[in-house]
N, C-alpha and C. Protein backbone atom coordinates (compact mmCIF):
# COMPACT_ATOMS: atom_id res chain seq x y z
N MET A 1 6.20 61.28 20.01
CA MET A 1 6.67 61.85 21.05
C MET A 1 7.87 62.70 20.87
N THR A 2 7.91 63.69 21.44
CA THR A 2 8.97 64.67 21.50
C THR A 2 10.23 64.18 22.31
N ALA A 3 11.35 64.52 22.04
CA ALA A 3 12.62 64.04 22.67
C ALA A 3 12.32 64.74 24.41
N GLY A 4 11.73 65.90 24.53
CA GLY A 4 11.76 66.20 25.71
C GLY A 4 10.83 65.31 26.54
N ALA A 5 9.81 64.98 26.12
CA ALA A 5 8.94 64.07 26.70
C ALA A 5 9.34 62.62 27.02
N ILE A 6 10.27 62.16 26.18
CA ILE A 6 10.83 60.91 26.48
C ILE A 6 11.92 61.00 27.71
N LEU A 7 12.75 62.11 27.56
CA LEU A 7 13.75 62.40 28.59
C LEU A 7 12.94 62.50 30.06
N LEU A 8 12.03 63.20 30.06
CA LEU A 8 11.23 63.36 31.13
C LEU A 8 10.66 62.11 31.72
N ILE A 9 10.07 61.39 30.91
CA ILE A 9 9.71 60.00 31.31
C ILE A 9 10.85 59.11 31.77
N LEU A 10 11.81 58.83 31.02
CA LEU A 10 13.19 58.35 31.55
C LEU A 10 13.59 58.53 32.91
N GLY A 11 13.50 60.11 32.98
CA GLY A 11 14.08 60.78 34.34
C GLY A 11 13.26 60.36 35.35
N PHE A 12 11.66 60.13 35.26
CA PHE A 12 10.76 59.65 36.20
C PHE A 12 11.25 58.57 36.56
N PHE A 13 11.46 57.35 35.58
CA PHE A 13 11.68 56.00 35.84
C PHE A 13 13.06 55.89 36.55
N PHE A 14 14.35 56.48 36.22
CA PHE A 14 15.39 56.52 36.95
C PHE A 14 15.22 57.19 38.43
N LEU A 15 14.66 58.12 38.52
CA LEU A 15 14.19 58.69 40.07
C LEU A 15 13.50 57.90 40.73
N GLY A 16 12.55 57.17 40.35
CA GLY A 16 11.67 56.06 40.99
C GLY A 16 12.45 54.99 41.30
N GLY A 17 13.27 54.38 40.26
CA GLY A 17 14.05 53.34 40.56
C GLY A 17 15.27 53.54 41.54
N SER A 18 15.71 54.61 41.69
CA SER A 18 16.67 55.15 42.63
C SER A 18 16.10 55.20 44.09
N ALA A 19 14.64 55.50 44.12
CA ALA A 19 14.18 55.76 45.38
C ALA A 19 14.10 54.37 45.88
N LEU A 20 13.38 53.36 45.05
CA LEU A 20 13.19 51.78 45.47
C LEU A 20 14.46 51.12 45.82
N PHE A 21 15.47 51.64 44.95
CA PHE A 21 16.53 50.81 45.34
C PHE A 21 17.23 51.38 46.63
N ALA A 22 16.98 52.53 47.01
CA ALA A 22 17.27 53.08 48.27
C ALA A 22 16.60 52.46 49.37
N ILE A 23 15.60 52.48 49.39
CA ILE A 23 14.57 51.70 50.30
C ILE A 23 15.01 50.10 50.44
N TYR A 24 15.30 49.36 49.29
CA TYR A 24 15.57 48.10 49.41
C TYR A 24 16.84 47.79 50.24
N TRP A 25 17.85 48.81 50.02
CA TRP A 25 19.31 48.81 50.51
C TRP A 25 19.00 49.16 52.04
N ALA A 26 18.11 49.90 52.26
CA ALA A 26 18.17 50.31 53.61
C ALA A 26 17.30 49.23 54.62
N ALA A 27 16.42 48.62 53.98
CA ALA A 27 15.80 47.45 54.53
C ALA A 27 16.78 46.34 54.66
N LYS A 28 17.36 46.02 53.74
CA LYS A 28 18.63 44.90 53.39
C LYS A 28 19.64 45.10 54.74
N THR A 29 20.09 46.37 54.74
CA THR A 29 21.19 46.45 55.85
C THR A 29 20.84 47.00 57.26
N GLY A 30 19.44 47.14 57.47
CA GLY A 30 18.94 46.98 58.94
C GLY A 30 18.89 48.27 59.50
N GLN A 31 18.48 49.19 58.27
CA GLN A 31 18.43 50.71 58.84
C GLN A 31 16.96 50.70 59.55
N PHE A 32 16.16 49.93 59.28
CA PHE A 32 14.86 50.33 59.91
C PHE A 32 14.39 49.20 60.98
N SER A 33 15.44 48.48 61.60
CA SER A 33 15.25 47.61 62.49
C SER A 33 14.78 48.00 63.67
N ASN A 34 15.18 49.32 64.14
CA ASN A 34 14.90 49.77 65.56
C ASN A 34 14.50 51.14 65.38
N VAL A 35 13.41 51.74 64.91
CA VAL A 35 13.29 53.08 64.64
C VAL A 35 12.99 54.03 65.98
N SER A 36 12.44 53.29 66.67
CA SER A 36 12.09 54.35 68.00
C SER A 36 13.21 54.56 68.86
N GLU A 37 14.55 53.53 68.70
CA GLU A 37 15.53 53.86 69.55
C GLU A 37 16.16 55.00 68.74
N GLY A 38 16.17 54.91 67.53
CA GLY A 38 17.01 56.07 66.65
C GLY A 38 16.47 57.47 66.90
N ALA A 39 14.95 57.49 66.98
CA ALA A 39 14.33 58.80 67.40
C ALA A 39 14.50 59.23 68.67
N ALA A 40 15.16 58.49 69.62
CA ALA A 40 15.23 59.03 71.05
C ALA A 40 16.76 59.45 71.23
N THR A 41 17.44 59.03 70.15
CA THR A 41 19.25 59.21 70.50
C THR A 41 19.48 60.52 70.04
N ILE A 42 18.65 61.49 69.55
CA ILE A 42 18.91 63.02 69.53
C ILE A 42 19.07 63.47 71.04
N PHE A 43 18.52 63.03 72.01
CA PHE A 43 18.57 63.40 73.31
C PHE A 43 19.75 63.18 74.05
N ASP A 44 20.34 64.25 74.66
CA ASP A 44 21.56 63.59 75.69
C ASP A 44 20.91 63.08 77.13
N GLU A 45 21.80 62.55 77.94
CA GLU A 45 21.19 62.27 79.18
C GLU A 45 20.67 63.19 80.14
N ASP A 46 21.03 64.64 79.81
CA ASP A 46 20.74 65.79 80.46
C ASP A 46 19.29 66.10 80.26
N GLU A 47 19.10 66.05 79.04
CA GLU A 47 17.68 66.65 78.44
C GLU A 47 16.55 65.31 78.50
N PRO A 48 15.46 65.60 79.19
CA PRO A 48 14.14 64.63 79.12
C PRO A 48 13.81 64.39 77.92
N VAL A 49 13.31 63.18 77.52
CA VAL A 49 12.81 62.76 76.22
C VAL A 49 11.46 63.65 76.10
N GLY A 50 11.36 64.25 75.14
CA GLY A 50 10.01 65.06 74.96
C GLY A 50 9.78 66.29 75.25
N THR A 51 10.79 66.78 76.22
CA THR A 51 10.94 68.28 76.32
C THR A 51 12.00 69.12 75.67
N PRO A 52 11.64 70.22 74.87
CA PRO A 52 12.70 70.59 73.94
C PRO A 52 13.25 71.71 75.05
N THR A 53 14.57 71.57 74.94
CA THR A 53 15.61 72.70 75.68
C THR A 53 16.04 73.71 74.97
N ASP A 54 16.07 73.60 73.70
CA ASP A 54 16.70 74.60 72.65
C ASP A 54 15.85 74.75 71.79
N ARG A 55 16.12 76.23 71.06
CA ARG A 55 15.09 76.95 70.39
C ARG A 55 15.77 77.18 68.96
N PHE A 56 15.04 77.01 67.69
CA PHE A 56 15.72 77.61 66.66
C PHE A 56 14.50 78.46 66.12
N PRO A 57 14.79 79.74 65.55
CA PRO A 57 16.22 80.55 65.84
C PRO A 57 16.29 80.72 67.50
N ALA A 58 17.62 80.81 67.73
CA ALA A 58 18.03 81.11 69.26
C ALA A 58 17.45 82.53 69.49
N LYS A 59 16.79 82.71 70.53
CA LYS A 59 16.54 84.30 71.16
C LYS A 59 17.87 85.07 71.10
N LYS A 60 17.83 86.19 70.79
CA LYS A 60 18.88 87.19 70.79
C LYS A 60 19.04 87.72 72.02
N SER A 61 20.31 87.34 72.93
CA SER A 61 20.68 87.84 74.19
C SER A 61 20.77 89.57 74.06
N GLN A 62 20.24 90.27 74.97
CA GLN A 62 20.54 91.75 74.89
C GLN A 62 21.13 92.24 76.14
């Protein structure tokens, strides 16, 4: 095997291990405990849930 292939394989293992560790850490610290509530917190009190009131990109005013 060439050195490039070995580095590529080691990189895949490192990235995969990092992803697994991140998921483990998030589960252990309670990041996934209430996903539906976290999805609704992007709305403020005046904005109804499920109805967008802003747009990206914003319309240019003339």
